Protein backbone atom coordinates (compact mmCIF):
# COMPACT_ATOMS: atom_id res chain seq x y z
CA MET A 1 20.45 -13.05 8.79
CA GLY A 2 17.10 -10.87 9.80
CA ILE A 3 15.68 -13.83 11.85
CA LEU A 4 18.83 -14.68 13.69
CA SER A 5 19.96 -10.72 14.80
CA ILE A 6 16.54 -10.18 16.59
CA GLY A 7 16.82 -10.50 20.43
CA LEU A 8 14.03 -10.28 23.33
CA GLY A 9 14.30 -6.21 23.71
CA ALA A 10 12.96 -3.25 21.36
CA THR A 11 14.48 -3.99 17.68
CA ASP A 12 13.92 -1.67 14.66
CA ALA A 13 10.33 -2.14 13.51
CA ARG A 14 11.34 -2.14 9.66
CA ALA A 15 14.14 -4.68 10.20
CA LEU A 16 11.29 -7.20 12.34
CA SER A 17 8.41 -6.75 9.92
CA ALA A 18 11.16 -7.50 6.97
CA ALA A 19 12.06 -10.73 8.38
CA LEU A 20 8.74 -11.88 9.89
CA MET A 21 6.96 -10.86 5.98
CA SER A 22 9.79 -12.81 4.41
CA PRO A 23 8.19 -15.53 1.67
CA TYR A 24 10.65 -18.04 3.62
CA PHE A 25 8.74 -17.08 7.12
CA ALA A 26 5.18 -16.24 6.14
CA VAL A 27 2.89 -18.77 4.70
CA ASP A 28 -0.70 -18.33 3.25
CA ALA A 29 -2.99 -15.63 4.78
CA GLU A 30 0.20 -14.66 7.14
CA HIS A 31 1.44 -12.46 4.80
CA LEU A 32 -1.62 -10.28 5.13
CA VAL A 33 -2.10 -10.37 9.11
CA LEU A 34 1.60 -9.27 9.35
CA SER A 35 1.23 -6.86 6.34
CA ARG A 36 -1.42 -5.21 8.87
CA ILE A 37 0.69 -5.32 11.32
CA ASP A 38 3.48 -3.51 9.82
CA LEU A 39 1.16 -0.65 9.35
CA GLU A 40 -0.55 -0.54 12.58
CA LEU A 41 2.91 0.19 13.86
CA ARG A 42 3.69 2.78 10.95
CA ASN A 43 0.59 4.64 12.05
CA ASP A 44 0.73 4.63 15.49
CA ASN A 45 4.96 6.17 14.80
CA ARG A 46 6.60 2.85 16.27
CA ARG A 47 10.10 3.03 15.13
CA GLU A 48 11.15 0.06 17.49
CA ALA A 49 8.93 -2.67 18.78
CA ALA A 50 9.53 -6.07 20.10
CA LEU A 51 8.55 -9.94 19.50
CA TYR A 52 6.38 -9.34 22.52
CA ASP A 53 4.48 -6.41 21.36
CA LEU A 54 3.99 -8.45 17.66
CA ARG A 55 2.46 -11.66 19.80
CA GLN A 56 0.22 -9.57 21.50
CA ARG A 57 -0.97 -8.02 18.02
CA ILE A 58 -1.31 -11.46 16.11
CA GLU A 59 -2.87 -12.65 18.83
CA ARG A 60 -5.49 -10.05 18.41
CA HIS A 61 -5.72 -10.68 14.72
CA GLY A 62 -6.73 -14.53 15.71
CA ARG A 63 -3.55 -15.94 14.24
CA GLY A 64 -2.78 -18.97 17.04
CA ALA A 65 -0.38 -21.16 14.72
CA LEU A 66 1.49 -17.73 14.12
CA ALA A 67 1.49 -16.60 17.81
CA ALA A 68 2.55 -19.99 18.66
CA ARG A 69 5.81 -19.67 16.39
CA ILE A 70 6.15 -16.60 17.71
CA SER A 71 6.34 -17.69 21.38
CA ALA A 72 8.90 -20.82 20.47
CA TRP A 73 11.11 -18.27 19.31
CA LEU A 74 10.72 -16.11 22.30
CA ASP A 75 11.31 -19.36 24.46
CA TRP A 76 14.62 -19.83 22.34
CA LEU A 77 15.58 -16.21 22.88
CA ARG A 78 15.00 -16.55 26.65
CA SER A 79 16.92 -20.27 27.17
CA ALA A 80 19.62 -19.08 24.59
CA GLY A 81 22.58 -18.58 26.99
CA ALA A 82 24.45 -15.77 27.18
CA LYS A 83 28.10 -17.13 25.87
CA LYS A 84 29.00 -19.95 23.65
CA THR A 85 31.15 -21.23 21.27
CA PRO A 86 30.54 -21.05 17.71
CA GLY A 87 29.80 -24.38 17.08
CA GLN A 88 27.05 -24.54 19.85
CA TRP A 89 25.80 -21.25 18.26
CA ALA A 90 25.58 -22.76 14.85
CA HIS A 91 23.66 -26.01 16.38
CA ASP A 92 21.47 -23.90 18.31
CA PHE A 93 20.71 -21.18 15.23
CA THR A 94 19.82 -24.17 13.40
CA ALA A 95 17.20 -25.56 15.77
CA LEU A 96 15.69 -22.33 16.16
CA LEU A 97 15.09 -21.74 12.55
CA GLU A 98 13.40 -25.44 12.38
CA SER A 99 11.15 -24.68 15.60
CA ILE A 100 9.79 -21.11 13.89
CA GLY A 101 9.10 -22.88 11.13
CA TRP A 102 11.85 -21.01 8.69
CA LEU A 103 11.10 -22.23 5.30
CA ASP A 104 8.09 -24.62 6.50
CA ALA A 105 5.85 -24.83 3.42
CA VAL A 106 7.95 -23.29 1.01
CA ARG A 107 8.95 -25.30 -2.46
CA LEU A 108 12.63 -24.33 -3.21
CA THR A 109 13.20 -23.37 -6.90
CA SER A 110 16.51 -24.45 -7.98
CA ASP A 111 17.86 -21.63 -7.39
CA GLU A 112 17.02 -21.13 -3.91
CA TYR A 113 17.89 -24.64 -3.16
CA GLN A 114 21.47 -24.08 -4.22
CA ALA A 115 21.15 -20.55 -1.95
CA PHE A 116 20.35 -23.04 1.09
CA ASP A 117 22.96 -25.26 0.19
CA LYS A 118 25.52 -22.88 0.34
CA TRP A 119 23.99 -21.15 3.66
CA SER A 120 24.14 -25.18 5.43
CA ALA A 121 27.91 -24.95 4.12
CA LEU A 122 28.50 -21.62 5.57
CA VAL A 123 26.92 -22.38 9.22
CA GLU A 124 29.24 -25.52 8.86
CA ASP A 125 32.53 -23.17 8.39
CA PHE A 126 31.06 -20.95 11.26
CA ALA A 127 30.94 -24.07 13.75
CA ARG A 128 34.89 -24.58 12.85
CA LEU A 129 35.60 -21.43 14.29
CA ASP A 130 35.77 -22.50 18.27
CA ASP A 131 39.59 -22.10 18.53
CA PHE A 132 39.45 -18.81 16.88
CA LEU A 133 36.67 -17.05 18.62
CA GLY A 134 36.36 -18.69 21.82
CA ARG A 135 33.00 -18.05 23.86
CA ILE A 136 30.78 -15.31 22.24
CA SER A 137 27.25 -13.70 22.57
CA ARG A 138 24.51 -14.42 20.44
CA THR A 139 24.56 -10.81 18.88
CA GLU A 140 28.57 -11.75 18.08
CA ALA A 141 27.79 -14.66 16.75
CA ALA A 142 25.06 -13.34 14.57
CA GLY A 143 27.54 -10.45 13.18
CA ASN A 144 30.00 -12.96 12.74
CA LEU A 145 27.90 -15.44 10.69
CA ARG A 146 26.84 -12.34 8.82
CA SER A 147 30.60 -11.03 7.76
CA MET A 148 31.07 -14.37 6.61
CA ALA A 149 28.16 -14.23 4.67
CA SER A 150 28.64 -10.94 2.83
CA SER A 151 32.56 -11.88 1.78
CA ARG A 152 31.01 -15.40 0.54
CA MET A 153 30.74 -15.78 -3.27
CA HIS A 154 27.55 -17.48 -4.44
CA GLN A 155 26.57 -17.96 -8.02
CA SER A 156 23.39 -20.20 -9.11
CA GLU A 157 24.22 -22.47 -11.94
CA THR A 158 22.01 -21.63 -15.10
CA PRO A 159 21.53 -23.06 -18.15
CA ASP A 160 24.00 -22.92 -21.23
CA SER A 161 22.89 -19.68 -23.09
CA CYS A 162 23.89 -18.47 -26.73
CA ILE A 163 24.94 -15.33 -25.21
CA GLN A 164 28.10 -15.02 -22.86
CA VAL A 165 29.32 -12.44 -21.32
CA VAL A 166 33.16 -12.71 -19.99
CA GLY A 167 36.13 -11.02 -19.45
CA LEU A 168 39.58 -10.89 -21.50
CA LEU A 169 40.96 -13.77 -18.97
CA GLU A 170 37.90 -15.87 -19.27
CA SER A 171 37.46 -16.19 -22.83
CA VAL A 172 40.76 -18.19 -22.71
CA GLY A 173 40.27 -21.42 -24.47
CA LEU A 174 36.93 -20.66 -25.92
CA CYS A 175 35.73 -20.47 -29.35
CA PHE A 176 32.62 -18.28 -30.62
CA ASP A 177 30.46 -17.83 -33.72
CA LYS A 178 31.24 -13.62 -33.01
CA ILE A 179 32.60 -11.61 -30.70
CA TRP A 180 32.11 -8.01 -29.48
CA LEU A 181 34.99 -6.36 -28.34
CA MET A 182 33.63 -3.42 -25.44
CA GLY A 183 34.89 -0.74 -24.30
CA CYS A 184 38.36 -0.52 -26.40
CA THR A 185 40.12 2.85 -25.77
CA GLU A 186 43.32 4.09 -25.90
CA ILE A 187 43.25 4.30 -21.85
CA ALA A 188 42.03 0.58 -21.85
CA LEU A 189 43.96 -1.12 -24.26
CA PRO A 190 46.28 -1.55 -22.88
CA ALA A 191 45.88 -0.20 -19.14
CA SER A 192 47.89 1.51 -17.29
CA PRO A 193 50.43 -0.48 -14.88
CA SER A 194 49.65 -1.62 -11.22
CA PRO A 195 52.39 -2.89 -9.69
CA ASN A 196 52.00 -4.89 -6.62
CA PRO A 197 52.76 -2.13 -3.90
CA PHE A 198 54.20 -4.68 -1.06
CA ILE A 199 57.04 -6.13 -3.65
CA PRO A 200 59.97 -3.99 -4.94
CA ILE A 201 59.22 -2.66 -7.78
CA GLU A 202 62.95 -3.38 -9.62
CA LEU A 203 62.01 -7.41 -8.56
CA GLN A 204 58.52 -6.81 -10.33
CA LYS A 205 60.29 -5.33 -13.45
CA ARG A 206 63.19 -8.06 -13.11
CA TYR A 207 60.89 -11.13 -12.91
CA GLY A 208 58.30 -9.59 -14.86
CA LEU A 209 55.20 -9.80 -12.83
CA PRO A 210 51.79 -8.91 -13.99
CA ARG A 211 51.00 -5.45 -14.54
CA SER A 212 54.66 -4.21 -13.30
CA THR A 213 55.49 -2.48 -16.45
CA TYR A 214 54.17 -0.83 -19.69
CA ASP A 215 55.98 -3.42 -21.56
CA LYS A 216 54.46 -5.74 -19.81
CA GLU A 217 50.74 -4.97 -20.44
CA LEU A 218 51.08 -3.90 -24.01
CA ALA A 219 52.24 -7.52 -24.56
CA PHE A 220 49.58 -8.95 -22.78
CA VAL A 221 47.03 -6.77 -24.34
CA ARG A 222 48.67 -7.87 -28.02
CA LYS A 223 48.60 -11.77 -27.00
CA ALA A 224 45.11 -10.99 -26.01
CA LEU A 225 43.59 -9.43 -29.19
CA ASP A 226 45.34 -12.24 -31.03
CA ARG A 227 43.86 -14.71 -29.58
CA ILE A 228 40.22 -13.19 -29.57
CA ALA A 229 41.05 -12.51 -33.19
CA GLY A 230 41.38 -16.60 -33.88
CA SER A 231 38.45 -17.27 -31.53
CA ALA A 232 35.39 -16.06 -34.05
CA PRO A 233 35.19 -15.82 -37.58
CA GLU A 234 34.13 -12.30 -37.36
CA VAL A 235 35.05 -9.73 -34.24
CA ILE A 236 33.75 -6.33 -33.53
CA ALA A 237 35.15 -3.92 -31.49
CA SER A 238 33.68 -0.73 -30.18
CA TYR A 239 34.44 2.32 -27.93
CA PRO A 240 32.69 4.90 -25.85
CA LYS A 241 32.55 8.61 -27.22
CA ARG A 242 32.60 9.60 -23.93
CA ARG A 243 32.86 9.22 -20.31
CA ASN A 244 29.62 8.68 -18.34
CA GLY A 245 28.85 12.43 -16.83
CA GLU A 246 32.15 13.70 -18.21
CA ASN A 247 33.19 15.92 -21.47
CA GLU A 248 36.43 14.36 -22.22
CA ALA A 249 36.31 12.91 -25.67
CA LEU A 250 37.49 9.25 -26.12
CA ARG A 251 39.48 7.74 -28.98
CA PRO A 252 40.06 4.28 -29.73
CA SER A 253 42.94 2.01 -29.33
CA ALA A 254 45.63 2.23 -31.72
CA LEU A 255 46.14 -1.61 -31.41
CA LEU A 256 42.53 -1.78 -33.25
CA VAL A 257 42.74 0.80 -35.91
CA LYS A 258 45.23 -0.63 -37.94
CA GLY A 259 44.67 -2.89 -40.01
CA ALA A 260 41.12 -3.10 -39.59
CA GLU A 261 38.01 -2.40 -41.46
CA THR A 262 36.44 0.56 -39.66
CA CYS A 263 32.70 1.46 -39.13
CA ARG A 264 31.74 4.86 -38.08
CA SER A 265 28.52 4.14 -37.38
CA ARG A 266 27.16 5.43 -33.55
CA ILE A 267 25.02 3.50 -31.20
CA GLU A 268 22.23 5.52 -30.12
CA LYS A 269 22.67 7.11 -26.83
CA ASP A 270 19.28 5.61 -25.55
CA SER A 271 20.20 2.38 -26.60
CA THR A 272 20.68 0.37 -23.23
CA ILE A 273 18.16 -2.20 -22.08
CA LYS A 274 16.35 0.38 -19.47
CA GLU A 275 15.70 3.02 -22.19
CA ALA A 276 14.45 1.10 -24.73
CA VAL A 277 11.79 -0.70 -22.42
CA GLN A 278 10.82 2.75 -21.00
CA ARG A 279 10.77 4.51 -24.62
CA GLY A 280 8.45 1.56 -25.38
CA ALA A 281 6.60 1.12 -22.37
CA MET A 282 5.62 4.60 -22.83
CA LEU A 283 4.82 3.80 -26.81
CA ILE A 284 2.36 1.40 -25.21
CA GLU A 285 0.96 2.31 -22.22
CA THR A 286 0.30 5.92 -23.04
CA VAL A 287 -3.33 6.97 -22.11
CA PRO A 288 -5.13 10.29 -22.05
CA ASP A 289 -6.34 11.39 -18.78
CA SER A 290 -8.32 13.98 -20.49
CA PHE A 291 -11.76 12.24 -19.32
CA GLU A 292 -14.09 12.53 -16.53
CA LEU A 293 -15.30 10.04 -13.88
CA PRO A 294 -18.01 11.98 -12.15
CA VAL A 295 -18.61 10.92 -8.75
CA SER A 296 -22.07 8.34 -8.55
CA GLU A 297 -24.57 8.51 -6.42
CA VAL A 298 -24.08 5.69 -4.23
CA GLU A 299 -19.88 7.23 -4.17
CA ARG A 300 -21.40 10.37 -3.11
CA ALA A 301 -22.28 9.26 0.74
CA ALA A 302 -19.03 7.81 1.10
CA ILE A 303 -16.97 10.81 0.32
CA CYS A 304 -15.51 12.12 3.68
CA GLY A 305 -12.53 14.58 3.82
CA GLY A 306 -14.04 18.06 5.01
CA THR A 307 -11.86 20.88 3.19
CA THR A 308 -8.98 18.63 2.79
CA ILE A 309 -10.88 17.56 -0.60
CA LEU A 310 -10.60 21.24 -2.06
CA LYS A 311 -7.16 21.77 -0.96
CA ASP A 312 -6.15 18.74 -2.68
CA GLN A 313 -8.40 19.20 -5.46
CA SER A 314 -6.47 22.74 -5.80
CA LEU A 315 -3.07 20.97 -5.28
CA CYS A 316 -3.34 18.02 -7.90
CA PRO A 317 -6.67 16.94 -9.16
CA PHE A 318 -5.24 12.95 -9.10
CA ARG A 319 -4.59 13.80 -5.59
CA ALA A 320 -7.87 14.40 -4.12
CA PHE A 321 -9.32 11.78 -6.66
CA ALA A 322 -6.56 9.22 -5.11
CA PHE A 323 -6.94 9.97 -1.33
CA HIS A 324 -10.88 10.88 -1.25
CA ARG A 325 -12.31 8.37 -3.83
CA LEU A 326 -9.75 5.56 -4.31
CA ASN A 327 -8.82 6.02 -0.62
CA ALA A 328 -5.45 5.57 -1.53
CA ARG A 329 -2.55 6.13 1.05
CA PRO A 330 1.19 6.95 1.12
CA PHE A 331 3.25 4.44 3.34
CA PRO A 332 3.34 5.76 6.90
CA VAL A 333 7.03 6.41 7.94
CA PRO A 334 7.53 6.41 11.43
CA GLU A 335 9.06 10.06 12.49
CA TYR A 336 11.52 10.39 16.14
CA GLY A 337 9.45 11.67 18.88
CA LEU A 338 5.96 13.12 17.64
CA SER A 339 4.84 13.25 14.24
CA ARG A 340 3.86 17.04 12.87
CA MET A 341 0.60 15.72 12.78
CA GLU A 342 -0.15 14.98 16.32
CA GLN A 343 1.88 18.49 17.20
CA GLY A 344 -0.70 19.86 15.27
CA SER A 345 -3.60 18.03 17.13
CA ILE A 346 -2.28 18.83 20.29
CA LEU A 347 -1.69 22.48 19.84
CA HIS A 348 -5.20 23.07 18.50
CA GLU A 349 -6.30 20.68 21.47
CA ALA A 350 -4.49 23.25 24.18
CA LEU A 351 -5.67 26.63 22.28
CA LYS A 352 -9.36 25.35 22.35
CA ALA A 353 -9.18 24.61 25.89
CA PHE A 354 -6.96 28.27 26.84
CA TRP A 355 -9.77 30.38 24.76
CA GLU A 356 -12.74 28.21 26.64
CA LYS A 357 -11.48 29.29 29.75
CA THR A 358 -10.31 32.83 29.07
CA VAL A 359 -12.96 33.84 26.98
CA ASP A 360 -11.74 37.63 25.93
CA SER A 361 -8.66 40.19 26.24
CA ASP A 362 -9.77 41.17 29.42
CA ALA A 363 -9.90 38.17 31.01
CA LEU A 364 -6.35 37.67 29.29
CA LYS A 365 -4.78 41.01 30.49
CA LYS A 366 -6.13 40.09 34.11
CA ILE A 367 -4.39 36.71 34.30
CA MET A 368 -0.81 38.70 32.97
CA GLU A 369 -1.33 41.42 35.48
CA HIS A 370 -1.51 38.77 38.24
CA GLY A 371 1.21 37.07 37.30
CA ALA A 372 0.00 33.83 36.42
CA ILE A 373 -0.29 32.91 33.20
CA SER A 374 2.68 30.54 33.12
CA ASP A 375 0.93 28.49 35.73
CA TYR A 376 -2.63 28.93 33.99
CA ILE A 377 -0.87 27.69 30.50
CA SER A 378 1.05 25.30 32.30
CA ASP A 379 -2.30 23.48 33.36
CA ILE A 380 -4.00 23.80 29.92
CA ALA A 381 -0.76 21.79 28.30
CA ASP A 382 -1.31 19.46 30.96
CA GLY A 383 -4.89 18.55 29.80
CA ALA A 384 -4.26 18.38 26.17
CA LEU A 385 -0.73 15.81 26.71
CA LYS A 386 -3.32 13.29 28.09
CA GLY A 387 -3.58 11.60 24.96
CA MET A 388 -0.13 11.31 24.41
CA LYS A 389 -0.10 7.34 25.63
CA GLN A 390 2.38 6.41 23.27
CA ALA A 391 4.90 8.81 24.44
CA SER A 392 7.78 8.40 27.25
CA PRO A 393 7.81 10.66 30.22
CA ARG A 394 10.65 12.54 28.89
CA LEU A 395 9.11 13.17 25.57
CA LYS A 396 5.85 14.57 27.35
CA GLU A 397 8.37 16.64 29.21
CA LEU A 398 9.56 18.01 26.20
CA GLU A 399 6.42 18.76 24.62
CA LYS A 400 5.09 20.51 27.40
CA ASP A 401 7.66 22.77 27.42
CA ARG A 402 7.59 23.75 23.72
CA LEU A 403 3.99 24.21 23.81
CA VAL A 404 3.95 26.44 26.95
CA LYS A 405 6.79 28.49 25.07
CA LEU A 406 4.82 28.27 22.11
CA ILE A 407 0.96 29.58 23.84
CA HIS A 408 2.87 32.21 26.27
CA ASP A 409 4.71 34.08 22.81
CA TRP A 410 1.33 33.91 21.32
CA ALA A 411 -0.68 35.13 24.57
CA GLN A 412 1.79 38.09 24.09
CA VAL A 413 0.64 38.78 20.34
CA GLU A 414 -2.98 38.34 21.43
CA LEU A 415 -2.46 41.02 24.24
CA ARG A 416 -1.00 43.60 21.08
CA ARG A 417 -4.74 43.74 19.56
CA GLY A 418 -7.82 45.77 20.60
CA PRO A 419 -10.41 44.48 22.89
CA PHE A 420 -12.02 40.92 21.88
CA LYS A 421 -14.42 38.34 22.71
CA VAL A 422 -14.27 34.97 21.49
CA LYS A 423 -17.33 33.71 20.37
CA ALA A 424 -16.79 30.34 19.52
CA VAL A 425 -13.79 27.81 18.93
CA GLU A 426 -13.86 24.58 16.89
CA VAL A 427 -17.43 25.47 15.29
CA LYS A 428 -18.79 22.81 13.13
CA LYS A 429 -20.35 23.74 10.01
CA GLU A 430 -22.14 21.67 7.33
CA LEU A 431 -21.80 22.83 3.40
CA THR A 432 -22.71 21.95 0.35
CA LEU A 433 -21.15 23.21 -2.74
CA CYS A 434 -21.90 21.74 -6.49
CA GLY A 435 -23.27 18.70 -4.78
CA LEU A 436 -20.18 17.97 -2.30
CA SER A 437 -21.22 17.88 1.29
CA LEU A 438 -18.42 19.44 3.70
CA THR A 439 -17.98 19.77 6.96
CA THR A 440 -16.23 22.61 8.38
CA ARG A 441 -14.73 23.06 11.71
CA LEU A 442 -13.14 26.80 12.47
CA ASP A 443 -11.23 26.99 14.91
CA ARG A 444 -12.13 29.95 16.16
CA VAL A 445 -14.61 32.89 15.78
CA ASP A 446 -13.91 36.61 17.38
CA VAL A 447 -15.98 39.39 17.90
CA LEU A 448 -14.40 43.00 17.68
CA GLU A 449 -15.20 46.58 18.53
CA HIS A 450 -18.60 47.41 16.88
CA GLY A 451 -19.44 43.75 16.30
CA LYS A 452 -16.86 42.99 13.46
CA GLU A 453 -16.26 39.48 13.34
CA VAL A 454 -13.07 37.59 12.28
CA ILE A 455 -12.52 33.75 11.80
CA ILE A 456 -9.06 32.80 12.68
CA ASP A 457 -7.36 29.18 11.48
CA TYR A 458 -4.54 28.30 13.36
CA LYS A 459 -1.12 27.20 11.28
CA SER A 460 1.92 26.27 12.77
CA GLY A 461 3.79 26.32 9.07
CA ALA A 462 4.47 29.54 6.50
CA VAL A 463 1.80 31.13 5.66
CA SER A 464 0.78 34.29 3.29
CA ARG A 465 -1.97 36.04 1.58
CA GLY A 466 -0.98 35.05 -1.44
CA ALA A 467 -2.08 31.48 -0.80
CA TRP A 468 -6.02 33.21 -1.39
CA ALA A 469 -5.14 35.22 -4.63
CA THR A 470 -5.19 32.16 -7.32
CA SER A 471 -7.76 30.28 -9.21
CA ARG A 472 -6.16 27.42 -7.42
CA PRO A 473 -5.16 28.59 -3.69
CA ARG A 474 -3.03 26.53 -1.61
CA GLU A 475 -4.67 27.02 1.39
CA PRO A 476 -8.47 27.32 0.83
CA GLN A 477 -9.64 26.49 3.97
CA LEU A 478 -10.27 29.82 5.08
CA LEU A 479 -11.95 30.60 1.72
CA VAL A 480 -14.42 27.76 2.51
CA TYR A 481 -15.09 28.92 5.87
CA SER A 482 -15.96 32.39 5.00
CA LEU A 483 -18.85 31.00 3.01
CA ALA A 484 -20.01 29.34 6.18
CA GLY A 485 -21.28 33.11 7.39
CA SER A 486 -21.19 36.58 7.26
CA PHE A 487 -17.63 37.53 8.57
CA ASP A 488 -15.59 40.74 8.04
CA ALA A 489 -11.88 39.48 8.34
CA ILE A 490 -10.21 36.25 7.65
CA SER A 491 -6.91 35.57 9.10
CA PHE A 492 -4.09 32.97 9.80
CA ALA A 493 -2.97 32.64 13.44
CA ARG A 494 0.55 31.38 12.76
CA LEU A 495 2.40 29.92 15.69
CA SER A 496 5.89 29.22 15.50
CA PRO A 497 8.78 29.98 17.60
CA GLY A 498 9.70 33.59 17.27
CA GLU A 499 7.27 34.12 14.74
CA SER A 500 4.06 34.07 15.78
CA ARG A 501 1.64 36.63 14.34
CA PHE A 502 -1.82 37.24 12.26
CA VAL A 503 -1.45 36.87 8.40
CA GLY A 504 -5.11 38.34 7.20
CA LEU A 505 -7.13 40.37 5.11
CA SER A 506 -10.28 42.19 5.86
CA GLY A 507 -12.79 44.84 4.47
CA ASP A 508 -12.23 47.69 6.78
CA GLU A 509 -9.37 48.56 9.51
CA LEU A 510 -10.01 46.51 12.71
CA GLY A 511 -7.07 46.87 14.72
CA MET A 512 -5.33 43.66 14.27
CA LYS A 513 -1.53 43.70 13.28
CA GLY A 514 -1.05 41.35 10.32
CA VAL A 515 -4.72 41.71 9.27
CA LYS A 516 -4.70 44.35 6.45
CA PRO A 517 -7.73 46.25 5.53
CA LEU A 518 -7.55 46.08 1.53
CA GLU A 519 -7.59 49.68 1.18
CA LYS A 520 -3.87 49.73 3.10
CA LEU A 521 -2.70 46.78 0.65
CA THR A 522 0.67 47.54 -1.45
CA LYS A 523 0.08 48.49 -4.85
CA LYS A 524 1.43 44.62 -5.92
CA GLU A 525 -0.47 43.18 -3.45
CA ARG A 526 -3.68 45.43 -4.51
CA SER A 527 -3.25 43.21 -7.99
CA SER A 528 -4.40 40.38 -6.49
CA PHE A 529 -7.13 41.10 -4.35
CA PRO A 530 -9.07 43.68 -6.47
CA GLY A 531 -12.21 45.50 -5.74
CA ASP A 532 -13.83 45.61 -2.68
CA TRP A 533 -14.66 43.24 0.14
CA ASP A 534 -18.09 42.02 -1.10
CA GLY A 535 -16.22 41.41 -4.41
CA LEU A 536 -13.85 39.66 -3.05
CA MET A 537 -16.35 37.07 -1.17
CA ALA A 538 -18.00 36.54 -4.26
CA ARG A 539 -14.44 36.03 -6.21
CA TRP A 540 -13.95 33.21 -3.69
CA LYS A 541 -16.98 31.89 -3.59
CA ALA A 542 -16.78 31.11 -7.65
CA VAL A 543 -13.01 29.79 -6.95
CA ILE A 544 -14.22 27.22 -4.17
CA GLU A 545 -17.33 26.43 -6.43
CA GLN A 546 -15.03 25.77 -9.26
CA LEU A 547 -12.60 23.34 -7.08
CA ALA A 548 -15.87 21.52 -5.82
CA GLY A 549 -17.48 21.42 -9.26
CA GLY A 550 -14.24 19.92 -10.94
CA PHE A 551 -14.11 16.57 -8.17
CA MET A 552 -17.77 15.90 -8.15
CA SER A 553 -17.74 15.99 -12.07
CA GLY A 554 -14.35 13.78 -11.99
CA VAL A 555 -11.82 15.83 -13.14
CA ALA A 556 -8.89 13.79 -12.02
CA VAL A 557 -5.85 14.78 -14.34
CA VAL A 558 -2.21 14.34 -12.91
CA ASP A 559 -1.84 18.42 -13.03
CA PRO A 560 0.07 19.49 -9.64
CA ASN A 561 -0.16 23.30 -9.58
CA PRO A 562 2.54 24.81 -11.40
CA GLU A 563 2.28 27.82 -9.05
CA LEU A 564 3.88 26.08 -6.35
CA LYS A 565 7.50 25.55 -6.95
CA GLY A 566 10.36 23.84 -4.49
CA MET A 567 9.23 22.46 -1.28
CA LEU A 568 5.96 23.46 -1.43
CA SER A 569 5.45 21.80 -4.67
CA PRO A 570 2.32 19.42 -4.59
CA CYS A 571 4.45 16.39 -5.69
CA GLU A 572 7.74 17.26 -2.94
CA HIS A 573 5.05 15.13 -0.02
CA CYS A 574 2.83 13.71 -2.02
CA GLY A 575 3.59 10.00 -1.69
CA LEU A 576 1.13 8.79 -5.30
CA ASP A 577 3.92 8.76 -7.19
CA ALA A 578 3.94 5.19 -7.46
CA LEU A 579 0.23 5.66 -8.18
CA CYS A 580 0.28 8.60 -10.81
CA ARG A 581 3.68 7.55 -12.25
CA LYS A 582 4.30 11.21 -13.42
CA ALA A 583 8.16 10.73 -13.00
CA GLU A 584 8.01 8.29 -15.89
CA VAL A 585 6.48 10.86 -17.86
CA VAL A 586 9.01 13.57 -17.34
CA LEU A 587 11.56 10.33 -18.05
CA GLY A 588 10.12 9.85 -21.55
CA ASN A 589 9.45 13.31 -22.62
CA ASP A 590 11.93 15.05 -24.52
CA GLU A 591 10.37 18.97 -23.68
CA GLU A 592 13.04 20.75 -21.92
CA ASP A 593 10.68 21.84 -19.20
CA GLY A 594 9.90 17.84 -18.46
CA GLU A 595 6.49 18.35 -18.73
CA ASP A 596 3.80 16.21 -20.83
CA GLU A 597 1.97 18.58 -22.21
CA ASP A 598 -0.68 15.99 -23.80
CA GLY A 599 -1.55 15.41 -20.19
CA ASP A 600 -0.48 11.83 -21.00
């Protein structure tokens, strides 16, 4: 159905990939090629794709045979015509599936063969609807066929089993060695009447229609229980003590209590197959993660990631291990418009161009006084947006409007500062910490009055000084940058509509609103940053070296930073849950806080 629903135009990329990567379409190494193409589409942030685009990508991967099958598909779509009868579409759909190699080189199992027979019967039934549906489009034909398939019952024939799960009516005439009758509560045996809403209730009562009255339900249940009692030498009846998610206590049916031997033993609440498997898996697969895997000399040269390595190590050591040593990555999820990463890159590029051209506060004031700031920023935004090759003209226009407004607001923030000169932008520096080589990139370095220097890091998300106050800082980049030279202040530049501001720390008063000197911190903040500026720099150096040393020595425990909660939790946007399996540890732990204290 996925294949038949795809047309010539743009289609949901996930639906297109799912149809083509099906084991009934792709064969042998084609799966790998199509998986790589699916990843390419996700990395390109493509929510939609067309068969033409897919064929070009397949050809670039050198898969001529697969590309030829896609070409046959395109040829069929071009020649399919506008409207046909269901009989004609049934014939053409079958021809399409044959021409593109559906089920070729696939050896069907018994269950699959039975499903294929059911499919063939379904297409035949659809072909008989000419008089009912008339001439319809391909989309309508595929939709009607899907609707028929969804309402068609199909159950594969299976070998006889020693255990059968049946309903009360299905058990008529059957004999068993033992019977377990489940769900025997007073509200189930007998059940409440459910008369037919389209027949007068008096007629249903007069002629004794099924489910019409309480007396009818009671008589039915008694007869069914008598029959079940004679169908096996041993019958066990059970009932749940409570409903799922409810506190209401349930009682057994009165029809079973009288004259029956009662057993008060209760089945354990975690005795379902799923819970038993999980409990057994925890006992079998538990592995202590306290051992360390130091970075080898061979591996050292291949590690890259800059300050992100230390950020990930701070958020969760296993995250850093998975990202930067195993090269694991979460599966990309395409977003509408530009991704946050793309928007951040464009903003950085625009700000870099702005300050390379503007140079200092005097130049910025002159531009503002001449009223040329809007055109000035517009030209810079145009240059930053040249790299948006995948975006539509309208999307570029919207992104330019956002960019111009954001930089204009930030220019107002810069004007409220004292005199400054931009010493450098996008400065690269090499650092080696505990054997870990890092390439740092400072967004900007400003020189203030009296030669004071401040490093600035652009951020579009929420920031706070508290991110630097712990042994596992959430944002350690600026702390790393501070080791790359002798600076008098560090500061985030928060660029967000209506909330643009500096958030930083300094040793002395620098005349930058939002950049607080240590002596002017509140009592609560002062407890987080004790001592003088030199002492703070030494403390940060120790924190960064501890993170770098932990990474290089192989500390890879699954230990999300406990100080970060809610949306800031490292697990919230990690994407590695299938690899670290922390959720399984939580499920198997009886501790109230859901954490595994042993780290297993």
